[in-house]
Amino acid sequence: MAKAKGNVVQVILECTEAPGTSRYHTKKNVRTSTGRLERRKYNSKLRKVTLHREKK
């Protein structure tokens, strides 16, 4: 039997250097990662890779 997908939620990652200019959507397992996600992603407005954090 397949497991339920209730532990996985969709989150939004937003740029920390220039808020509102770059956002990414991704999925996160709530059970295994309890803190906020931080990823280095490309910001097309700034034309460089910046830190993106999970938006509340």
N, C-alpha and C. Protein backbone atom coordinates (compact mmCIF):
# COMPACT_ATOMS: atom_id res chain seq x y z
N MET A 1 0.83 -1.18 0.00
CA MET A 1 0.00 0.00 0.00
C MET A 1 0.88 1.24 0.00
N ALA A 2 0.49 2.27 -0.72
CA ALA A 2 1.27 3.50 -0.84
C ALA A 2 1.14 4.34 0.43
N LYS A 3 2.22 5.06 0.74
CA LYS A 3 2.20 5.95 1.90
C LYS A 3 1.48 7.25 1.57
N ALA A 4 0.89 7.85 2.59
CA ALA A 4 0.21 9.13 2.40
C ALA A 4 1.24 10.24 2.23
N LYS A 5 0.90 11.25 1.43
CA LYS A 5 1.82 12.36 1.18
C LYS A 5 1.47 13.56 2.04
N GLY A 6 0.99 13.34 3.24
CA GLY A 6 0.60 14.42 4.13
C GLY A 6 1.77 15.15 4.75
N ASN A 7 2.98 14.55 4.71
CA ASN A 7 4.14 15.17 5.33
C ASN A 7 4.85 16.14 4.39
N VAL A 8 4.50 16.12 3.10
CA VAL A 8 5.17 16.95 2.12
C VAL A 8 4.31 18.18 1.82
N VAL A 9 4.91 19.37 1.96
CA VAL A 9 4.19 20.61 1.69
C VAL A 9 4.96 21.42 0.65
N GLN A 10 4.25 22.27 -0.07
CA GLN A 10 4.89 23.15 -1.04
C GLN A 10 5.29 24.45 -0.33
N VAL A 11 6.53 24.90 -0.56
CA VAL A 11 7.02 26.13 0.07
C VAL A 11 7.54 27.07 -1.02
N ILE A 12 7.66 28.34 -0.66
CA ILE A 12 8.18 29.37 -1.56
C ILE A 12 9.52 29.84 -1.03
N LEU A 13 10.53 29.85 -1.90
CA LEU A 13 11.84 30.38 -1.55
C LEU A 13 11.97 31.77 -2.15
N GLU A 14 12.33 32.76 -1.31
CA GLU A 14 12.43 34.14 -1.77
C GLU A 14 13.85 34.65 -1.56
N CYS A 15 14.32 35.48 -2.49
CA CYS A 15 15.67 36.03 -2.45
C CYS A 15 15.85 36.91 -1.22
N THR A 16 17.01 36.80 -0.56
CA THR A 16 17.28 37.59 0.64
C THR A 16 17.95 38.92 0.31
N GLU A 17 18.67 39.00 -0.80
CA GLU A 17 19.38 40.24 -1.15
C GLU A 17 18.44 41.28 -1.74
N ALA A 18 17.48 40.86 -2.55
CA ALA A 18 16.51 41.77 -3.15
C ALA A 18 15.13 41.12 -3.06
N PRO A 19 14.44 41.26 -1.92
CA PRO A 19 13.15 40.60 -1.73
C PRO A 19 12.13 41.01 -2.78
N GLY A 20 11.37 40.02 -3.25
CA GLY A 20 10.33 40.28 -4.23
C GLY A 20 10.78 40.17 -5.67
N THR A 21 12.09 40.04 -5.92
CA THR A 21 12.56 39.98 -7.30
C THR A 21 12.65 38.56 -7.83
N SER A 22 12.88 37.59 -6.95
CA SER A 22 13.05 36.22 -7.39
C SER A 22 12.41 35.27 -6.39
N ARG A 23 11.55 34.37 -6.91
CA ARG A 23 10.91 33.37 -6.06
C ARG A 23 10.92 32.02 -6.75
N TYR A 24 11.12 30.99 -5.97
CA TYR A 24 11.09 29.62 -6.47
C TYR A 24 10.11 28.82 -5.63
N HIS A 25 9.44 27.84 -6.25
CA HIS A 25 8.54 26.93 -5.55
C HIS A 25 9.21 25.57 -5.47
N THR A 26 9.13 24.94 -4.30
CA THR A 26 9.71 23.62 -4.11
C THR A 26 8.89 22.88 -3.06
N LYS A 27 9.21 21.61 -2.85
CA LYS A 27 8.52 20.80 -1.85
C LYS A 27 9.46 20.49 -0.70
N LYS A 28 8.88 20.32 0.49
CA LYS A 28 9.66 20.07 1.69
C LYS A 28 8.94 19.03 2.53
N ASN A 29 9.72 18.08 3.07
CA ASN A 29 9.18 17.10 3.99
C ASN A 29 9.22 17.69 5.39
N VAL A 30 8.07 17.91 5.98
CA VAL A 30 7.97 18.56 7.28
C VAL A 30 8.55 17.69 8.39
N ARG A 31 8.44 16.40 8.25
CA ARG A 31 8.90 15.49 9.29
C ARG A 31 10.43 15.44 9.40
N THR A 32 11.13 15.52 8.26
CA THR A 32 12.60 15.40 8.29
C THR A 32 13.31 16.74 8.39
N SER A 33 12.76 17.79 7.84
CA SER A 33 13.41 19.11 7.91
C SER A 33 12.46 20.07 8.64
N THR A 34 12.79 20.35 9.89
CA THR A 34 11.90 21.14 10.73
C THR A 34 12.15 22.64 10.60
N GLY A 35 13.38 23.04 10.24
CA GLY A 35 13.70 24.46 10.10
C GLY A 35 13.32 24.99 8.73
N ARG A 36 13.68 26.24 8.49
CA ARG A 36 13.41 26.86 7.19
C ARG A 36 14.48 26.45 6.19
N LEU A 37 14.05 26.25 4.95
CA LEU A 37 14.98 25.88 3.89
C LEU A 37 15.79 27.08 3.44
N GLU A 38 17.06 26.86 3.12
CA GLU A 38 17.92 27.88 2.53
C GLU A 38 18.65 27.24 1.38
N ARG A 39 18.53 27.85 0.20
CA ARG A 39 19.18 27.32 -1.00
C ARG A 39 19.82 28.48 -1.75
N ARG A 40 20.91 28.18 -2.44
CA ARG A 40 21.54 29.17 -3.32
C ARG A 40 20.97 28.96 -4.71
N LYS A 41 20.21 29.96 -5.20
CA LYS A 41 19.54 29.89 -6.48
C LYS A 41 19.91 31.12 -7.31
N TYR A 42 19.63 31.03 -8.61
CA TYR A 42 19.94 32.13 -9.53
C TYR A 42 18.84 33.19 -9.51
N ASN A 43 19.24 34.45 -9.39
CA ASN A 43 18.33 35.58 -9.45
C ASN A 43 18.56 36.28 -10.79
N SER A 44 17.58 36.23 -11.68
CA SER A 44 17.75 36.78 -13.03
C SER A 44 17.81 38.31 -13.03
N LYS A 45 17.20 38.97 -12.07
CA LYS A 45 17.25 40.43 -12.01
C LYS A 45 18.64 40.92 -11.63
N LEU A 46 19.28 40.24 -10.67
CA LEU A 46 20.63 40.61 -10.24
C LEU A 46 21.72 39.95 -11.08
N ARG A 47 21.32 38.95 -11.86
CA ARG A 47 22.23 38.18 -12.72
C ARG A 47 23.35 37.50 -11.93
N LYS A 48 22.99 36.92 -10.78
CA LYS A 48 23.96 36.16 -10.00
C LYS A 48 23.23 35.20 -9.07
N VAL A 49 23.98 34.30 -8.50
CA VAL A 49 23.43 33.32 -7.56
C VAL A 49 23.37 33.95 -6.19
N THR A 50 22.19 33.91 -5.55
CA THR A 50 21.99 34.50 -4.24
C THR A 50 21.33 33.49 -3.31
N LEU A 51 21.32 33.81 -2.04
CA LEU A 51 20.69 32.96 -1.03
C LEU A 51 19.19 33.18 -1.04
N HIS A 52 18.44 32.10 -1.11
CA HIS A 52 16.97 32.15 -1.06
C HIS A 52 16.52 31.40 0.18
N ARG A 53 15.63 32.00 0.96
CA ARG A 53 15.10 31.39 2.18
C ARG A 53 13.62 31.14 2.04
N GLU A 54 13.17 30.18 2.81
CA GLU A 54 11.74 29.85 2.81
C GLU A 54 10.92 31.00 3.35
N LYS A 55 9.90 31.38 2.60
CA LYS A 55 9.01 32.45 3.01
C LYS A 55 7.91 31.87 3.87
N LYS A 56 7.52 32.57 4.93
CA LYS A 56 6.51 32.07 5.85
C LYS A 56 5.13 32.15 5.27
